[in-house]
Amino acid sequence: MNLPLIDQQDFNDKDYTVNPLLKAEYTACTFTNCNFENSDISNLIFLECDFIECNFSNVNVMHTSFNDVIFKSCKLLGVLFQNCNTFLLSFKFIDCTLNLSSFYQLKINRTVFSNCIMHQVDFTETEAKHTVFKDCDLHQSTFNQTNIEYSDFTSASNININPTTNKIKHAFFSNANISGLLVCFNIKIKD
């Protein structure tokens, strides 16, 4: 499918729930304060784009390409990222809320999550090596058969990761959150 190319454009205060985003390939574009909630952005291509203060809650990302994309201060509730186009998939999340989203079976190596609220996010069977979870709240997020080798959880909170069902070799944790690796063993830690 040949999509029209939209290059280096700024989109501000757009409501794509009313007027859907044009099916296109967006390169080096910036979307600021745009509402995509419950919209369909399937089969679109975003290359080196920035999304700032946008609402992506429950958006359809079936076969959507995200290559070198930054989400900053965005609301991404219930987004099923596993439906994205996995070719050259790469993104970064800064100050975002990703509750109830899913990265099931994706390869998201070297992804950065910085200061994100990530309640009940599904990382089942995800390959997330060298991934950074800086100052992230992972309350009730699922790690099962997940590869988080070399990943950094030192400043993350509310971790619950079973070391017997996940690959955690060389991952980084702090004294403050190491107990999140022991929950599955029902061990009590006293100060």
Protein backbone atom coordinates (compact mmCIF):
# COMPACT_ATOMS: atom_id res chain seq x y z
CA MET A 1 0.00 0.00 0.00
CA ASN A 2 1.56 3.31 -1.08
CA LEU A 3 0.78 6.02 1.41
CA PRO A 4 1.20 9.75 0.80
CA LEU A 5 4.23 11.24 2.60
CA ILE A 6 3.73 14.01 5.14
CA ASP A 7 7.08 15.42 6.22
CA GLN A 8 8.10 17.83 9.00
CA GLN A 9 4.60 19.06 9.82
CA ASP A 10 3.28 20.25 13.18
CA PHE A 11 -0.21 19.21 14.25
CA ASN A 12 -1.61 21.11 17.24
CA ASP A 13 -4.87 20.72 19.17
CA LYS A 14 -6.44 18.32 16.68
CA ASP A 15 -9.35 16.04 17.58
CA TYR A 16 -8.99 12.88 15.52
CA THR A 17 -12.06 11.36 17.13
CA VAL A 18 -14.10 13.75 14.97
CA ASN A 19 -11.92 13.95 11.84
CA PRO A 20 -9.72 10.86 11.47
CA LEU A 21 -6.01 11.29 10.78
CA LEU A 22 -5.23 10.97 7.07
CA LYS A 23 -3.83 7.54 6.16
CA ALA A 24 -0.23 8.48 5.38
CA GLU A 25 3.43 8.08 6.22
CA TYR A 26 4.39 10.76 8.74
CA THR A 27 8.09 11.62 8.94
CA ALA A 28 9.63 14.02 11.49
CA CYS A 29 6.19 15.34 12.45
CA THR A 30 5.13 16.66 15.83
CA PHE A 31 1.66 16.12 17.27
CA THR A 32 0.89 18.32 20.29
CA ASN A 33 -2.25 18.14 22.45
CA CYS A 34 -4.07 15.92 19.96
CA ASN A 35 -6.89 13.53 20.83
CA PHE A 36 -6.74 10.08 19.23
CA GLU A 37 -8.96 8.36 21.84
CA ASN A 38 -10.77 5.29 20.43
CA SER A 39 -9.64 6.23 16.92
CA ASP A 40 -8.24 3.99 14.21
CA ILE A 41 -4.65 4.73 13.21
CA SER A 42 -4.08 1.26 11.81
CA ASN A 43 -1.67 0.83 8.88
CA LEU A 44 -0.14 4.31 9.34
CA ILE A 45 3.60 4.92 9.46
CA PHE A 46 5.25 7.23 12.00
CA LEU A 47 8.98 7.76 11.51
CA GLU A 48 10.93 10.03 13.89
CA CYS A 49 7.71 11.63 15.14
CA ASP A 50 7.02 13.21 18.53
CA PHE A 51 3.69 12.98 20.33
CA ILE A 52 3.37 15.53 23.14
CA GLU A 53 0.43 15.65 25.57
CA CYS A 54 -1.72 13.47 23.31
CA ASN A 55 -4.50 11.06 24.28
CA PHE A 56 -4.08 7.62 22.70
CA SER A 57 -6.48 5.75 24.97
CA ASN A 58 -7.91 2.61 23.36
CA VAL A 59 -6.53 3.55 19.93
CA ASN A 60 -6.37 0.86 17.23
CA VAL A 61 -2.70 0.42 16.22
CA MET A 62 -3.12 -2.67 14.04
CA HIS A 63 -0.10 -2.83 11.67
CA THR A 64 0.89 0.72 12.62
CA SER A 65 4.62 1.46 12.28
CA PHE A 66 6.35 3.33 15.09
CA ASN A 67 10.01 3.87 14.20
CA ASP A 68 12.05 6.15 16.47
CA VAL A 69 8.93 7.71 17.99
CA ILE A 70 8.80 9.65 21.26
CA PHE A 71 5.68 9.84 23.42
CA LYS A 72 5.95 12.64 26.00
CA SER A 73 3.28 13.36 28.62
CA CYS A 74 0.80 11.19 26.73
CA LYS A 75 -2.13 9.11 27.95
CA LEU A 76 -1.94 5.62 26.38
CA LEU A 77 -4.56 3.59 28.26
CA GLY A 78 -5.39 0.15 26.90
CA VAL A 79 -3.14 0.34 23.83
CA LEU A 80 -2.37 -3.11 22.38
CA PHE A 81 1.12 -2.44 21.07
CA GLN A 82 1.52 -6.12 20.14
CA ASN A 83 -0.71 -5.36 17.13
CA CYS A 84 1.83 -2.87 15.71
CA ASN A 85 4.04 -3.51 12.75
CA THR A 86 7.15 -4.98 14.39
CA PHE A 87 9.57 -4.04 11.60
CA LEU A 88 12.01 -1.43 12.99
CA LEU A 89 9.70 -0.87 15.97
CA SER A 90 11.28 1.61 18.38
CA PHE A 91 9.81 4.14 20.75
CA LYS A 92 10.48 6.04 23.96
CA PHE A 93 7.96 6.99 26.66
CA ILE A 94 8.54 10.02 28.92
CA ASP A 95 6.06 11.10 31.64
CA CYS A 96 3.32 8.91 30.15
CA THR A 97 0.45 6.89 31.58
CA LEU A 98 0.30 3.42 29.97
CA ASN A 99 -2.17 1.65 32.27
CA LEU A 100 -3.76 -1.52 30.88
CA SER A 101 -1.57 -1.45 27.76
CA SER A 102 0.13 -4.53 26.35
CA PHE A 103 3.51 -5.34 24.83
CA TYR A 104 2.71 -9.07 24.63
CA GLN A 105 5.35 -11.04 22.68
CA LEU A 106 7.01 -7.88 21.29
CA LYS A 107 10.72 -7.22 20.97
CA ILE A 108 11.20 -3.84 22.64
CA ASN A 109 14.90 -4.06 23.46
CA ARG A 110 16.53 -0.79 24.56
CA THR A 111 13.18 0.96 25.04
CA VAL A 112 13.19 3.76 27.60
CA PHE A 113 10.25 4.27 29.95
CA SER A 114 10.95 7.36 32.06
CA ASN A 115 8.69 8.56 34.87
CA CYS A 116 5.72 6.55 33.59
CA ILE A 117 2.67 5.17 35.37
CA MET A 118 2.36 1.61 34.11
CA HIS A 119 -0.36 -0.13 36.12
CA GLN A 120 -1.43 -3.56 34.86
CA VAL A 121 0.76 -3.44 31.76
CA ASP A 122 1.29 -6.82 30.09
CA PHE A 123 4.90 -7.77 29.29
CA THR A 124 4.15 -11.49 28.90
CA GLU A 125 6.67 -13.20 26.61
CA THR A 126 8.18 -9.81 25.75
CA GLU A 127 11.84 -9.43 24.89
CA ALA A 128 12.87 -6.28 26.75
CA LYS A 129 16.63 -6.58 27.10
CA HIS A 130 18.57 -3.41 28.01
CA THR A 131 15.25 -1.66 28.67
CA VAL A 132 15.12 1.21 31.18
CA PHE A 133 12.25 1.64 33.64
CA LYS A 134 13.37 4.92 35.22
CA ASP A 135 11.08 6.12 38.03
CA CYS A 136 8.20 3.99 36.72
CA ASP A 137 5.31 2.65 38.79
CA LEU A 138 4.75 -0.96 37.66
CA HIS A 139 1.82 -1.75 39.98
CA GLN A 140 0.29 -5.12 38.99
CA SER A 141 2.20 -5.24 35.70
CA THR A 142 2.73 -8.76 34.37
CA PHE A 143 6.15 -10.21 33.64
CA ASN A 144 5.81 -13.85 32.60
CA GLN A 145 8.32 -15.64 30.34
CA THR A 146 9.76 -12.16 29.81
CA ASN A 147 13.39 -11.51 28.90
CA ILE A 148 14.54 -8.47 30.90
CA GLU A 149 18.25 -9.25 30.87
CA TYR A 150 20.44 -6.16 31.41
CA SER A 151 17.33 -4.03 32.03
CA ASP A 152 17.36 -1.26 34.63
CA PHE A 153 14.73 -1.29 37.37
CA THR A 154 16.82 0.55 39.99
CA SER A 155 14.37 3.44 40.39
CA ALA A 156 11.16 1.57 39.51
CA SER A 157 8.48 0.88 42.11
CA ASN A 158 5.81 -1.76 42.74
CA ILE A 159 7.78 -4.48 40.97
CA ASN A 160 6.50 -8.06 41.07
CA ILE A 161 8.77 -10.22 38.92
CA ASN A 162 9.19 -13.96 39.46
CA PRO A 163 12.87 -14.79 38.80
CA THR A 164 11.99 -18.44 38.10
CA THR A 165 9.67 -17.67 35.17
CA ASN A 166 11.57 -14.73 33.64
CA LYS A 167 15.06 -14.18 32.29
CA ILE A 168 16.60 -11.57 34.61
CA LYS A 169 20.33 -12.20 34.23
CA HIS A 170 22.34 -8.97 34.71
CA ALA A 171 19.21 -6.88 35.33
CA PHE A 172 19.61 -3.97 37.75
CA PHE A 173 17.52 -3.53 40.90
CA SER A 174 17.95 -1.43 44.05
CA ASN A 175 17.76 -2.35 47.71
CA ALA A 176 14.44 -0.49 47.82
CA ASN A 177 12.74 -2.67 45.21
CA ILE A 178 14.58 -6.01 45.41
CA SER A 179 11.72 -7.42 47.47
CA GLY A 180 9.64 -7.37 44.26
CA LEU A 181 11.66 -10.39 43.14
CA LEU A 182 10.69 -12.34 46.26
CA VAL A 183 6.90 -11.89 46.31
CA CYS A 184 6.37 -15.21 44.50
CA PHE A 185 8.24 -17.02 47.33
CA ASN A 186 6.00 -15.48 50.03
CA ILE A 187 9.09 -14.27 51.90
CA LYS A 188 8.76 -11.54 54.51
CA ILE A 189 11.55 -8.96 54.67
CA LYS A 190 12.15 -7.03 57.86
CA ASP A 191 14.23 -3.88 58.19
